[in-house]
Amino acid sequence: MDGRVPNGLVQGPNGNLYGTTQLGGTAGNGVVFEISTDGSLFTVLHNFGDGTITHDGKNPVGSLLVGPDNFLYGTTNEGGIGGLGTVFKTSP
């Protein structure tokens, strides 16, 4: 399932665009997605709060950042151990 309420996009090291949505996805808690610049590829990379990651974040906010290690970093405003959000890292 696609996400809803998109945040900004960032271009990854492979040239594709990456972003997050605050809502939607399989658990309704947002997604990380990848889209090619010509629109031929769209992939959901992670569904937040779907039970696949212990203490996963929910409802990501803001744009992703590409770190010097070429991983993508972002934040959520809910979820995590205390329920108050997380900082997350994902591979493009």
C-alpha atoms as a PDB file:
ATOM      1  CA  MET A   1       0.000   0.000   0.000  1.00  0.00           C
ATOM      2  CA  ASP A   2       1.310   3.456  -0.872  1.00  0.00           C
ATOM      3  CA  GLY A   3       1.883   6.153   1.683  1.00  0.00           C
ATOM      4  CA  ARG A   4      -0.018   9.394   2.252  1.00  0.00           C
ATOM      5  CA  VAL A   5       1.081  12.912   3.278  1.00  0.00           C
ATOM      6  CA  PRO A   6       4.538  12.968   1.696  1.00  0.00           C
ATOM      7  CA  ASN A   7       7.547  14.745   3.133  1.00  0.00           C
ATOM      8  CA  GLY A   8      10.355  16.120   0.948  1.00  0.00           C
ATOM      9  CA  LEU A   9      12.503  14.174  -1.511  1.00  0.00           C
ATOM     10  CA  VAL A  10      16.257  13.650  -1.594  1.00  0.00           C
ATOM     11  CA  GLN A  11      18.381  12.275  -4.420  1.00  0.00           C
ATOM     12  CA  GLY A  12      20.271   9.166  -3.383  1.00  0.00           C
ATOM     13  CA  PRO A  13      23.756   8.080  -4.432  1.00  0.00           C
ATOM     14  CA  ASN A  14      22.274   5.980  -7.265  1.00  0.00           C
ATOM     15  CA  GLY A  15      20.388   8.961  -8.737  1.00  0.00           C
ATOM     16  CA  ASN A  16      16.927   7.812  -7.611  1.00  0.00           C
ATOM     17  CA  LEU A  17      14.704   9.926  -5.373  1.00  0.00           C
ATOM     18  CA  TYR A  18      13.842   8.875  -1.808  1.00  0.00           C
ATOM     19  CA  GLY A  19      11.233  10.146   0.567  1.00  0.00           C
ATOM     20  CA  THR A  20       8.900   9.367   3.424  1.00  0.00           C
ATOM     21  CA  THR A  21       5.197   9.730   4.043  1.00  0.00           C
ATOM     22  CA  GLN A  22       3.679  10.496   7.420  1.00  0.00           C
ATOM     23  CA  LEU A  23       0.738   8.142   6.951  1.00  0.00           C
ATOM     24  CA  GLY A  24      -0.265   5.142   4.864  1.00  0.00           C
ATOM     25  CA  GLY A  25       1.557   1.929   4.205  1.00  0.00           C
ATOM     26  CA  THR A  26       0.549  -1.484   5.489  1.00  0.00           C
ATOM     27  CA  ALA A  27       0.280  -0.343   9.138  1.00  0.00           C
ATOM     28  CA  GLY A  28      -0.927   3.207   8.442  1.00  0.00           C
ATOM     29  CA  ASN A  29       2.191   4.714  10.064  1.00  0.00           C
ATOM     30  CA  GLY A  30       4.034   5.936   6.962  1.00  0.00           C
ATOM     31  CA  VAL A  31       6.648   4.542   4.598  1.00  0.00           C
ATOM     32  CA  VAL A  32      10.104   5.106   3.125  1.00  0.00           C
ATOM     33  CA  PHE A  33       9.936   4.943  -0.664  1.00  0.00           C
ATOM     34  CA  GLU A  34      12.164   5.093  -3.735  1.00  0.00           C
ATOM     35  CA  ILE A  35      11.172   6.485  -7.141  1.00  0.00           C
ATOM     36  CA  SER A  36      13.272   6.776 -10.281  1.00  0.00           C
ATOM     37  CA  THR A  37      13.625  10.216 -11.851  1.00  0.00           C
ATOM     38  CA  ASP A  38      11.752   9.047 -14.961  1.00  0.00           C
ATOM     39  CA  GLY A  39       8.925   7.556 -12.869  1.00  0.00           C
ATOM     40  CA  SER A  40       9.442   4.013 -14.162  1.00  0.00           C
ATOM     41  CA  LEU A  41      10.264   2.611 -10.675  1.00  0.00           C
ATOM     42  CA  PHE A  42       8.344   3.046  -7.433  1.00  0.00           C
ATOM     43  CA  THR A  43       9.205   0.872  -4.444  1.00  0.00           C
ATOM     44  CA  VAL A  44       8.160   1.001  -0.794  1.00  0.00           C
ATOM     45  CA  LEU A  45      11.359   0.246   1.123  1.00  0.00           C
ATOM     46  CA  HIS A  46       9.891   0.181   4.632  1.00  0.00           C
ATOM     47  CA  ASN A  47       6.455   0.282   6.250  1.00  0.00           C
ATOM     48  CA  PHE A  48       6.743   1.916   9.672  1.00  0.00           C
ATOM     49  CA  GLY A  49       5.163   0.143  12.628  1.00  0.00           C
ATOM     50  CA  ASP A  50       4.383  -3.080  10.750  1.00  0.00           C
ATOM     51  CA  GLY A  51       6.032  -5.328  13.348  1.00  0.00           C
ATOM     52  CA  THR A  52       9.160  -6.216  11.354  1.00  0.00           C
ATOM     53  CA  ILE A  53      11.441  -4.039  13.534  1.00  0.00           C
ATOM     54  CA  THR A  54      11.349  -3.964  17.327  1.00  0.00           C
ATOM     55  CA  HIS A  55      10.739  -0.435  18.659  1.00  0.00           C
ATOM     56  CA  ASP A  56      10.162   0.854  15.124  1.00  0.00           C
ATOM     57  CA  GLY A  57       9.276   4.494  14.629  1.00  0.00           C
ATOM     58  CA  LYS A  58       5.931   5.732  13.358  1.00  0.00           C
ATOM     59  CA  ASN A  59       4.858   8.735  11.305  1.00  0.00           C
ATOM     60  CA  PRO A  60       8.147  10.051   9.861  1.00  0.00           C
ATOM     61  CA  VAL A  61       8.572  13.805   9.548  1.00  0.00           C
ATOM     62  CA  GLY A  62      10.892  15.988   7.504  1.00  0.00           C
ATOM     63  CA  SER A  63      13.114  15.054   4.605  1.00  0.00           C
ATOM     64  CA  LEU A  64      15.632  12.260   4.544  1.00  0.00           C
ATOM     65  CA  LEU A  65      19.345  13.064   4.563  1.00  0.00           C
ATOM     66  CA  VAL A  66      22.079  11.207   2.712  1.00  0.00           C
ATOM     67  CA  GLY A  67      24.974  10.571   5.067  1.00  0.00           C
ATOM     68  CA  PRO A  68      28.657  10.422   4.136  1.00  0.00           C
ATOM     69  CA  ASP A  69      28.275   6.630   4.255  1.00  0.00           C
ATOM     70  CA  ASN A  70      25.550   6.868   1.534  1.00  0.00           C
ATOM     71  CA  PHE A  71      22.844   5.593   3.909  1.00  0.00           C
ATOM     72  CA  LEU A  72      19.601   7.530   4.327  1.00  0.00           C
ATOM     73  CA  TYR A  73      18.730   9.029   7.719  1.00  0.00           C
ATOM     74  CA  GLY A  74      15.456  10.405   9.023  1.00  0.00           C
ATOM     75  CA  THR A  75      13.260  10.956  12.056  1.00  0.00           C
ATOM     76  CA  THR A  76       9.836   9.896  13.277  1.00  0.00           C
ATOM     77  CA  ASN A  77       7.661  11.726  15.766  1.00  0.00           C
ATOM     78  CA  GLU A  78       6.162   8.594  17.341  1.00  0.00           C
ATOM     79  CA  GLY A  79       7.203   5.044  18.170  1.00  0.00           C
ATOM     80  CA  GLY A  80      10.521   3.839  19.506  1.00  0.00           C
ATOM     81  CA  ILE A  81      11.231   2.603  23.020  1.00  0.00           C
ATOM     82  CA  GLY A  82       9.558   5.526  24.810  1.00  0.00           C
ATOM     83  CA  GLY A  83       6.950   6.192  22.145  1.00  0.00           C
ATOM     84  CA  LEU A  84       8.323   9.656  21.464  1.00  0.00           C
ATOM     85  CA  GLY A  85      10.006   9.049  18.104  1.00  0.00           C
ATOM     86  CA  THR A  86      13.180   7.718  16.598  1.00  0.00           C
ATOM     87  CA  VAL A  87      16.141   8.498  14.393  1.00  0.00           C
ATOM     88  CA  PHE A  88      16.418   5.841  11.707  1.00  0.00           C
ATOM     89  CA  LYS A  89      18.921   4.697   9.104  1.00  0.00           C
ATOM     90  CA  THR A  90      18.073   2.815   5.931  1.00  0.00           C
ATOM     91  CA  SER A  91      19.912   1.622   2.871  1.00  0.00           C
ATOM     92  CA  PRO A  92      19.042   3.203  -0.483  1.00  0.00           C
END
